[in-house]
Amino acid sequence: MIYRFQFGFLVFLLSGLLVLSFGSDSRARPEFAAMEEKECSFCHLDPAGGGPRNAVGQVYEDNYFEFPEDFDPEAIMEEAEEVRQRLTTAVNIRTAYIKTVHVDLEGRARANCTSCHSAVDSFLLMQGELTVNAQASDKLRLTLSNNMGATLNMFATVDAIPKHLYVKVGQFRIPFGLKQRDHNILVRQGYNLGSHKRDVGVEVGGTYGKLFYNAAVFNGNRSAGQAVDTNQDKGWTATAGGTLGPLRGGVSFLLDRPLDREMTAGAFLTAVHKNLTLEGEFNFRGSFGDDESIGFSDDDITSKGYYFGAKYRVIPELMLSGRYGLFDSDRTLKGDGRQRVTLAAQYIFMDNGSLELFYWLNIANDDRDEAIADRQLEGIDQLILMSHFWF
């Protein structure tokens, strides 16, 4: 196992040097809010954060995620007000090459972004997303995004009380825990809360001083417009947290009813010090019948998972990161836990383009049982080189 890790790290390091020899993504990162001590709406069109940036956020991105010394956000926003009622568009194109450590020539299984087993090497179109925002009035904005033919977001946002209260109606990503764009986080995938999941409902949220909050009610079937709603009881979620200096943390709670009542709860924390960011999230779930009360004891918890990681911005154009994740889908079964270490480097080589390098160390479970092999990562490592272009 140690040999595999050393080999994987060496491959990652050498590949990173190759990326640098050739020379960002406008992601919404929780550490930016903590670093600048601002709410998400300070830089984003969506008051909940994520997606296209407003005029202030565009300056922040163009300056490699720092504000210029003489920057005046009020003047920028006044200029933007003159063209407020207009359409804004954003395009994201992401292509990846997945290289597996071991190629299965017999099975010919096709590699994909969540593959765990041996597979042939593959080029993949990971993202081809077009987002359109229409500012219909001072308080109403319409958002539509489509990724390679599939509708992701389709909602209207009303700024009922600017900064303090927004209302979102339509199809959107369920708000829960840390806002992440990476859909490969094991615990998020396990709880069907990955960044690519959407549902139809109503969300409200906002900020008050150093506090942030949101709540949503939705169908509960996670397939949004792709299937008929089968959850007659609906689902709901709520998040509350706050910012204290370089720390930003909170708790989330989700109650759903696909069959029995299911409770998912989580706690998250982000800490920022200069160019270093630490983040982590712990989630657990329990299932309860109609005649059972919802509890948080050890006997009530059926599954759990967590992840923690670090990001370091070496220079404005280069970020290195690492993350460890574990997901135990059934605490009554021994040896079904999944573990993954993800190492990543992102290099912005032009204003609207970046190269991203990922190394997945899928850790094999020593207690693995062939009877539950489909629940485990077999320890087959992957190297992923990704190009990303946006405007």
Protein backbone atom coordinates (compact mmCIF):
# COMPACT_ATOMS: atom_id res chain seq x y z
CA MET A 1 0.00 0.00 0.00
CA ILE A 2 2.85 2.40 0.86
CA TYR A 3 4.51 1.58 -2.47
CA ARG A 4 1.31 2.42 -4.36
CA PHE A 5 0.97 5.73 -2.57
CA GLN A 6 4.60 6.66 -3.25
CA PHE A 7 4.23 5.70 -6.91
CA GLY A 8 1.00 7.67 -7.23
CA PHE A 9 2.46 10.75 -5.59
CA LEU A 10 5.53 10.60 -7.84
CA VAL A 11 3.35 10.40 -10.95
CA PHE A 12 1.27 13.33 -9.71
CA LEU A 13 4.35 15.44 -8.97
CA LEU A 14 5.98 14.78 -12.34
CA SER A 15 2.72 15.46 -14.18
CA GLY A 16 2.32 18.71 -12.28
CA LEU A 17 5.72 19.85 -13.50
CA LEU A 18 4.64 19.08 -17.06
CA VAL A 19 1.54 21.22 -16.60
CA LEU A 20 3.66 24.13 -15.38
CA SER A 21 5.94 23.80 -18.36
CA PHE A 22 2.99 24.68 -20.62
CA GLY A 23 2.60 27.75 -18.83
CA SER A 24 -9.48 29.78 -13.57
CA ASP A 25 -12.03 28.48 -13.26
CA SER A 26 -14.57 30.97 -11.83
CA ARG A 27 -15.67 28.58 -9.11
CA ALA A 28 -17.50 29.74 -6.02
CA ARG A 29 -15.28 28.72 -3.15
CA PRO A 30 -16.37 29.02 0.49
CA GLU A 31 -12.92 30.27 1.50
CA PHE A 32 -13.35 33.43 -0.60
CA ALA A 33 -16.31 34.52 1.52
CA ALA A 34 -14.31 33.92 4.70
CA MET A 35 -11.15 35.50 3.30
CA GLU A 36 -12.83 38.74 2.24
CA GLU A 37 -15.44 38.69 5.05
CA LYS A 38 -18.21 39.28 2.50
CA GLU A 39 -21.48 37.57 1.72
CA CYS A 40 -21.74 35.53 -1.49
CA SER A 41 -23.92 38.18 -3.17
CA PHE A 42 -21.00 40.62 -3.02
CA CYS A 43 -19.41 38.84 -6.00
CA HIS A 44 -22.16 36.64 -7.49
CA LEU A 45 -25.42 37.28 -9.32
CA ASP A 46 -27.04 34.50 -7.29
CA PRO A 47 -27.29 35.65 -3.65
CA ALA A 48 -26.76 32.02 -2.59
CA GLY A 49 -23.36 32.06 -4.32
CA GLY A 50 -21.96 30.13 -7.25
CA GLY A 51 -22.50 30.61 -10.95
CA PRO A 52 -21.73 33.79 -12.94
CA ARG A 53 -20.16 36.72 -11.12
CA ASN A 54 -21.43 40.28 -10.99
CA ALA A 55 -19.29 43.30 -11.90
CA VAL A 56 -17.44 43.23 -8.56
CA GLY A 57 -16.82 39.50 -8.80
CA GLN A 58 -15.52 39.86 -12.33
CA VAL A 59 -12.85 42.30 -11.12
CA TYR A 60 -11.98 39.83 -8.35
CA GLU A 61 -11.58 36.98 -10.84
CA ASP A 62 -9.64 39.04 -13.39
CA ASN A 63 -7.19 40.06 -10.64
CA TYR A 64 -6.53 36.39 -9.75
CA PHE A 65 -8.97 36.34 -6.82
CA GLU A 66 -7.71 39.47 -5.10
CA PHE A 67 -9.11 43.00 -5.01
CA PRO A 68 -6.82 45.75 -6.37
CA GLU A 69 -5.51 48.17 -3.76
CA ASP A 70 -7.48 51.11 -5.20
CA PHE A 71 -10.62 49.08 -5.87
CA ASP A 72 -13.94 50.88 -5.29
CA PRO A 73 -16.82 48.36 -5.39
CA GLU A 74 -19.50 51.06 -5.11
CA ALA A 75 -18.26 52.81 -8.25
CA ILE A 76 -18.17 49.50 -10.14
CA MET A 77 -21.74 48.66 -9.11
CA GLU A 78 -22.99 52.13 -10.08
CA GLU A 79 -21.59 51.60 -13.57
CA ALA A 80 -23.19 48.17 -13.71
CA GLU A 81 -26.59 49.61 -12.74
CA GLU A 82 -26.74 51.45 -16.06
CA VAL A 83 -26.88 48.12 -17.90
CA ARG A 84 -28.64 46.15 -15.19
CA GLN A 85 -31.63 45.04 -17.26
CA ARG A 86 -29.88 42.83 -19.74
CA LEU A 87 -28.90 39.27 -20.56
CA THR A 88 -25.60 37.88 -19.35
CA THR A 89 -24.20 34.57 -20.54
CA ALA A 90 -21.50 32.19 -19.34
CA VAL A 91 -20.04 29.22 -21.20
CA ASN A 92 -17.99 26.42 -19.59
CA ILE A 93 -16.25 23.75 -21.68
CA ARG A 94 -14.33 21.03 -19.86
CA THR A 95 -12.54 18.08 -21.48
CA ALA A 96 -10.66 15.36 -19.59
CA TYR A 97 -8.24 12.54 -20.35
CA ILE A 98 -8.47 9.70 -17.80
CA LYS A 99 -5.45 7.44 -17.48
CA THR A 100 -5.85 4.36 -15.30
CA VAL A 101 -2.90 2.66 -13.62
CA HIS A 102 -4.19 -0.71 -14.82
CA VAL A 103 -6.03 -1.17 -18.12
CA ASP A 104 -8.54 -4.01 -18.35
CA LEU A 105 -8.19 -5.26 -21.92
CA GLU A 106 -10.77 -8.02 -21.42
CA GLY A 107 -13.56 -6.13 -19.75
CA ARG A 108 -13.06 -3.00 -21.89
CA ALA A 109 -14.95 -1.05 -19.26
CA ARG A 110 -15.18 2.59 -20.27
CA ALA A 111 -13.56 5.07 -17.91
CA ASN A 112 -15.76 7.80 -16.54
CA CYS A 113 -15.61 10.56 -13.97
CA THR A 114 -16.78 8.31 -11.13
CA SER A 115 -15.24 5.01 -12.21
CA CYS A 116 -13.68 2.90 -9.47
CA HIS A 117 -12.61 -0.23 -11.34
CA SER A 118 -10.16 -1.08 -14.11
CA ALA A 119 -11.02 0.64 -17.37
CA VAL A 120 -9.58 1.58 -20.72
CA ASP A 121 -8.05 5.04 -21.03
CA SER A 122 -10.56 7.59 -22.30
CA PHE A 123 -11.09 11.13 -23.51
CA LEU A 124 -14.29 12.57 -22.03
CA LEU A 125 -16.32 15.70 -22.57
CA MET A 126 -17.00 16.50 -18.93
CA GLN A 127 -18.91 19.74 -19.36
CA GLY A 128 -20.49 21.80 -22.09
CA GLU A 129 -22.63 24.22 -20.13
CA LEU A 130 -24.36 27.40 -21.22
CA THR A 131 -25.82 29.67 -18.54
CA VAL A 132 -28.09 32.64 -19.25
CA ASN A 133 -29.11 35.22 -16.64
CA ALA A 134 -31.83 37.77 -17.37
CA GLN A 135 -32.14 40.72 -14.97
CA ALA A 136 -35.84 41.40 -15.44
CA SER A 137 -36.00 44.13 -12.79
CA ASP A 138 -34.15 45.47 -9.78
CA LYS A 139 -35.34 42.52 -7.68
CA LEU A 140 -36.10 39.77 -10.19
CA ARG A 141 -33.57 37.63 -12.03
CA LEU A 142 -34.18 34.57 -14.23
CA THR A 143 -31.52 31.85 -14.60
CA LEU A 144 -31.29 29.02 -17.13
CA SER A 145 -28.37 26.64 -17.60
CA ASN A 146 -28.08 23.65 -19.92
CA ASN A 147 -25.29 21.11 -19.96
CA MET A 148 -24.95 19.07 -23.16
CA GLY A 149 -28.71 18.95 -23.69
CA ALA A 150 -29.75 18.44 -20.06
CA THR A 151 -31.33 21.29 -18.10
CA LEU A 152 -29.50 21.95 -14.84
CA ASN A 153 -30.84 25.19 -13.40
CA MET A 154 -34.11 26.88 -14.28
CA PHE A 155 -35.27 29.27 -11.58
CA ALA A 156 -36.36 32.78 -10.72
CA THR A 157 -34.72 34.67 -7.85
CA VAL A 158 -36.46 37.52 -6.05
CA ASP A 159 -34.33 39.76 -3.81
CA ALA A 160 -37.15 40.40 -1.35
CA ILE A 161 -34.88 42.20 1.13
CA PRO A 162 -31.46 42.77 -0.49
CA LYS A 163 -28.75 40.71 1.28
CA HIS A 164 -31.11 39.67 4.08
CA LEU A 165 -33.74 37.62 2.20
CA TYR A 166 -33.99 36.08 -1.26
CA VAL A 167 -36.60 33.68 -2.66
CA LYS A 168 -35.71 31.16 -5.37
CA VAL A 169 -38.40 29.22 -7.26
CA GLY A 170 -37.81 26.52 -9.87
CA GLN A 171 -35.20 23.81 -10.46
CA PHE A 172 -31.95 24.22 -8.53
CA ARG A 173 -29.27 22.35 -6.59
CA ILE A 174 -30.38 21.43 -3.10
CA PRO A 175 -28.53 23.63 -0.58
CA PHE A 176 -26.65 21.45 1.91
CA GLY A 177 -23.29 21.82 3.67
CA LEU A 178 -20.28 23.38 1.97
CA LYS A 179 -21.01 24.67 -1.52
CA GLN A 180 -18.93 22.39 -3.76
CA ARG A 181 -18.73 21.99 -7.53
CA ASP A 182 -16.82 18.71 -7.40
CA HIS A 183 -19.34 15.90 -8.01
CA ASN A 184 -16.84 13.17 -7.08
CA ILE A 185 -16.96 13.69 -3.30
CA LEU A 186 -17.84 10.23 -1.95
CA VAL A 187 -20.16 11.24 0.87
CA ARG A 188 -22.10 13.69 -1.33
CA GLN A 189 -22.56 11.03 -4.01
CA GLY A 190 -23.57 8.47 -1.40
CA TYR A 191 -26.34 10.71 -0.09
CA ASN A 192 -27.49 11.69 -3.58
CA LEU A 193 -26.47 15.30 -2.92
CA GLY A 194 -23.70 15.63 -5.50
CA SER A 195 -23.17 18.97 -7.22
CA HIS A 196 -24.82 17.66 -10.41
CA LYS A 197 -28.09 16.79 -8.62
CA ARG A 198 -31.09 19.09 -8.99
CA ASP A 199 -34.67 19.21 -7.72
CA VAL A 200 -37.75 21.40 -8.12
CA GLY A 201 -39.00 23.52 -5.24
CA VAL A 202 -38.69 26.79 -3.33
CA GLU A 203 -35.63 28.10 -1.48
CA VAL A 204 -35.29 31.10 0.82
CA GLY A 205 -32.13 32.44 2.42
CA GLY A 206 -29.92 35.39 3.14
CA THR A 207 -27.44 36.91 5.56
CA TYR A 208 -27.63 39.03 8.69
CA GLY A 209 -24.33 40.50 9.80
CA LYS A 210 -21.94 37.56 10.16
CA LEU A 211 -24.74 34.97 10.00
CA PHE A 212 -25.99 33.12 6.91
CA TYR A 213 -29.01 30.88 6.50
CA ASN A 214 -31.23 29.13 3.97
CA ALA A 215 -34.12 26.67 3.83
CA ALA A 216 -35.82 24.83 0.98
CA VAL A 217 -38.79 22.57 0.29
CA PHE A 218 -38.64 20.36 -2.82
CA ASN A 219 -40.07 17.24 -4.45
CA GLY A 220 -37.47 14.91 -2.97
CA ASN A 221 -36.81 12.62 -5.95
CA ARG A 222 -33.56 14.38 -7.00
CA SER A 223 -34.20 13.81 -10.70
CA ALA A 224 -35.85 17.21 -11.16
CA GLY A 225 -37.55 17.49 -14.53
CA GLN A 226 -36.40 14.06 -15.72
CA ALA A 227 -39.03 12.03 -13.85
CA VAL A 228 -42.49 12.35 -12.35
CA ASP A 229 -42.52 13.35 -8.69
CA THR A 230 -43.02 10.22 -6.58
CA ASN A 231 -42.45 11.77 -3.16
CA GLN A 232 -45.87 12.84 -1.92
CA ASP A 233 -44.48 14.02 1.42
CA LYS A 234 -41.85 16.31 -0.14
CA GLY A 235 -38.44 16.97 1.35
CA TRP A 236 -36.97 19.95 3.14
CA THR A 237 -33.58 21.17 4.22
CA ALA A 238 -32.18 24.00 6.32
CA THR A 239 -28.68 25.40 6.90
CA ALA A 240 -27.46 27.94 9.43
CA GLY A 241 -23.96 29.20 10.13
CA GLY A 242 -21.73 32.15 10.65
CA THR A 243 -18.36 33.74 10.02
CA LEU A 244 -15.90 34.56 12.79
CA GLY A 245 -12.72 36.11 11.44
CA PRO A 246 -11.03 33.50 9.22
CA LEU A 247 -13.50 30.78 10.27
CA ARG A 248 -16.75 30.03 8.46
CA GLY A 249 -18.88 27.11 9.61
CA GLY A 250 -22.39 25.82 10.08
CA VAL A 251 -24.78 22.90 10.24
CA SER A 252 -27.27 21.46 7.75
CA PHE A 253 -30.31 19.22 8.21
CA LEU A 254 -32.33 17.43 5.53
CA LEU A 255 -35.53 15.40 5.96
CA ASP A 256 -36.80 13.34 3.05
CA ARG A 257 -39.09 10.39 2.41
CA PRO A 258 -38.19 8.28 -0.64
CA LEU A 259 -39.58 5.22 1.24
CA ASP A 260 -39.20 5.59 4.99
CA ARG A 261 -38.38 8.92 6.54
CA GLU A 262 -34.69 9.71 6.05
CA MET A 263 -32.76 12.28 8.05
CA THR A 264 -29.38 13.57 6.83
CA ALA A 265 -27.41 15.95 9.02
CA GLY A 266 -24.00 17.53 8.64
CA ALA A 267 -21.53 20.02 10.08
CA PHE A 268 -18.92 21.92 8.08
CA LEU A 269 -16.04 24.33 8.68
CA THR A 270 -13.67 26.41 6.55
CA ALA A 271 -10.54 28.13 7.89
CA VAL A 272 -8.40 30.57 5.92
CA HIS A 273 -4.90 31.88 6.67
CA LYS A 274 -3.30 33.93 3.92
CA ASN A 275 -2.97 31.56 0.92
CA LEU A 276 -3.87 28.40 2.86
CA THR A 277 -7.42 27.08 3.20
CA LEU A 278 -8.55 24.13 5.33
CA GLU A 279 -12.05 22.70 4.99
CA GLY A 280 -14.02 19.72 6.22
CA GLU A 281 -17.51 18.29 6.43
CA PHE A 282 -19.02 15.41 8.42
CA ASN A 283 -22.41 13.93 7.44
CA PHE A 284 -24.56 11.10 8.75
CA ARG A 285 -27.96 9.59 7.97
CA GLY A 286 -30.68 7.64 9.74
CA SER A 287 -33.91 6.00 8.51
CA PHE A 288 -37.11 5.95 10.57
CA GLY A 289 -40.55 4.42 10.17
CA ASP A 290 -43.80 6.33 10.59
CA ASP A 291 -44.17 5.14 14.18
CA GLU A 292 -40.54 5.90 15.13
CA SER A 293 -39.19 9.18 16.43
CA ILE A 294 -36.17 10.74 14.74
CA GLY A 295 -33.08 10.35 16.90
CA PHE A 296 -29.37 11.10 16.86
CA SER A 297 -28.07 8.25 19.00
CA ASP A 298 -25.44 5.83 17.74
CA ASP A 299 -28.11 3.18 17.19
CA ASP A 300 -30.15 5.55 15.02
CA ILE A 301 -27.31 6.34 12.58
CA THR A 302 -27.27 3.95 9.61
CA SER A 303 -24.49 5.54 7.54
CA LYS A 304 -21.86 8.23 7.82
CA GLY A 305 -19.11 9.91 5.85
CA TYR A 306 -16.74 12.82 5.91
CA TYR A 307 -14.06 14.62 3.95
CA PHE A 308 -11.36 17.12 4.80
CA GLY A 309 -8.76 18.82 2.68
CA ALA A 310 -6.38 21.70 2.17
CA LYS A 311 -5.79 24.19 -0.65
CA TYR A 312 -2.74 26.35 -1.12
CA ARG A 313 -2.38 29.14 -3.66
CA VAL A 314 1.32 29.08 -4.57
CA ILE A 315 1.04 32.04 -6.94
CA PRO A 316 -2.11 33.79 -8.20
CA GLU A 317 -2.28 31.44 -11.20
CA LEU A 318 -1.46 28.15 -9.43
CA MET A 319 -3.39 26.30 -6.73
CA LEU A 320 -2.48 22.94 -5.18
CA SER A 321 -4.98 20.92 -3.16
CA GLY A 322 -5.52 17.57 -1.49
CA ARG A 323 -8.54 15.85 0.03
CA TYR A 324 -9.31 12.63 1.90
CA GLY A 325 -12.83 11.25 1.85
CA LEU A 326 -14.57 8.26 3.44
CA PHE A 327 -18.13 6.99 3.07
CA ASP A 328 -19.61 4.08 5.03
CA SER A 329 -22.98 3.38 3.42
CA ASP A 330 -24.07 0.68 5.90
CA ARG A 331 -22.67 0.64 9.41
CA THR A 332 -24.00 -2.90 9.97
CA LEU A 333 -21.67 -4.30 7.30
CA LYS A 334 -17.96 -4.62 7.91
CA GLY A 335 -15.56 -3.71 5.13
CA ASP A 336 -17.90 -1.72 2.87
CA GLY A 337 -16.34 1.67 3.57
CA ARG A 338 -15.01 3.60 0.55
CA GLN A 339 -11.90 5.74 0.83
CA ARG A 340 -10.23 8.09 -1.64
CA VAL A 341 -7.34 10.54 -1.57
CA THR A 342 -7.53 13.21 -4.28
CA LEU A 343 -4.54 15.36 -5.19
CA ALA A 344 -5.06 18.26 -7.59
CA ALA A 345 -3.27 21.14 -9.26
CA GLN A 346 -4.92 23.97 -11.18
CA TYR A 347 -2.94 26.34 -13.38
CA ILE A 348 -4.54 29.36 -15.08
CA PHE A 349 -2.51 29.74 -18.26
CA MET A 350 -4.72 32.39 -19.88
CA ASP A 351 -7.53 34.76 -18.90
CA ASN A 352 -10.24 32.25 -19.80
CA GLY A 353 -8.47 28.91 -19.59
CA SER A 354 -6.88 26.54 -17.12
CA LEU A 355 -5.27 23.12 -16.95
CA GLU A 356 -6.25 20.90 -14.05
CA LEU A 357 -4.48 17.73 -12.96
CA PHE A 358 -6.05 15.19 -10.62
CA TYR A 359 -4.64 12.03 -9.10
CA TRP A 360 -7.12 9.65 -7.49
CA LEU A 361 -5.73 7.23 -4.94
CA ASN A 362 -8.66 4.84 -4.47
CA ILE A 363 -7.78 3.01 -1.27
CA ALA A 364 -8.63 -0.70 -1.24
CA ASN A 365 -10.38 -1.93 1.91
CA ASP A 366 -8.36 -4.64 3.66
CA ASP A 367 -11.60 -6.12 5.04
CA ARG A 368 -13.31 -6.20 1.66
CA ASP A 369 -15.85 -8.94 1.06
CA GLU A 370 -16.55 -10.18 -2.47
CA ALA A 371 -20.24 -10.31 -1.58
CA ILE A 372 -20.30 -6.50 -1.34
CA ALA A 373 -17.62 -5.74 -3.93
CA ASP A 374 -19.90 -3.36 -5.78
CA ARG A 375 -19.83 -1.03 -2.77
CA GLN A 376 -16.06 -0.74 -2.62
CA LEU A 377 -13.26 1.05 -4.40
CA GLU A 378 -10.81 -1.59 -5.56
CA GLY A 379 -7.68 0.51 -5.24
CA ILE A 380 -7.30 1.24 -8.96
CA ASP A 381 -5.68 4.67 -9.21
CA GLN A 382 -6.48 7.22 -11.91
CA LEU A 383 -4.67 10.21 -13.35
CA ILE A 384 -6.95 12.85 -14.89
CA LEU A 385 -5.73 15.76 -17.03
CA MET A 386 -8.46 18.30 -17.62
CA SER A 387 -8.67 21.42 -19.75
CA HIS A 388 -11.22 24.09 -18.91
CA PHE A 389 -12.30 27.15 -20.92
CA TRP A 390 -14.92 29.69 -19.92
CA PHE A 391 -16.20 33.14 -20.80
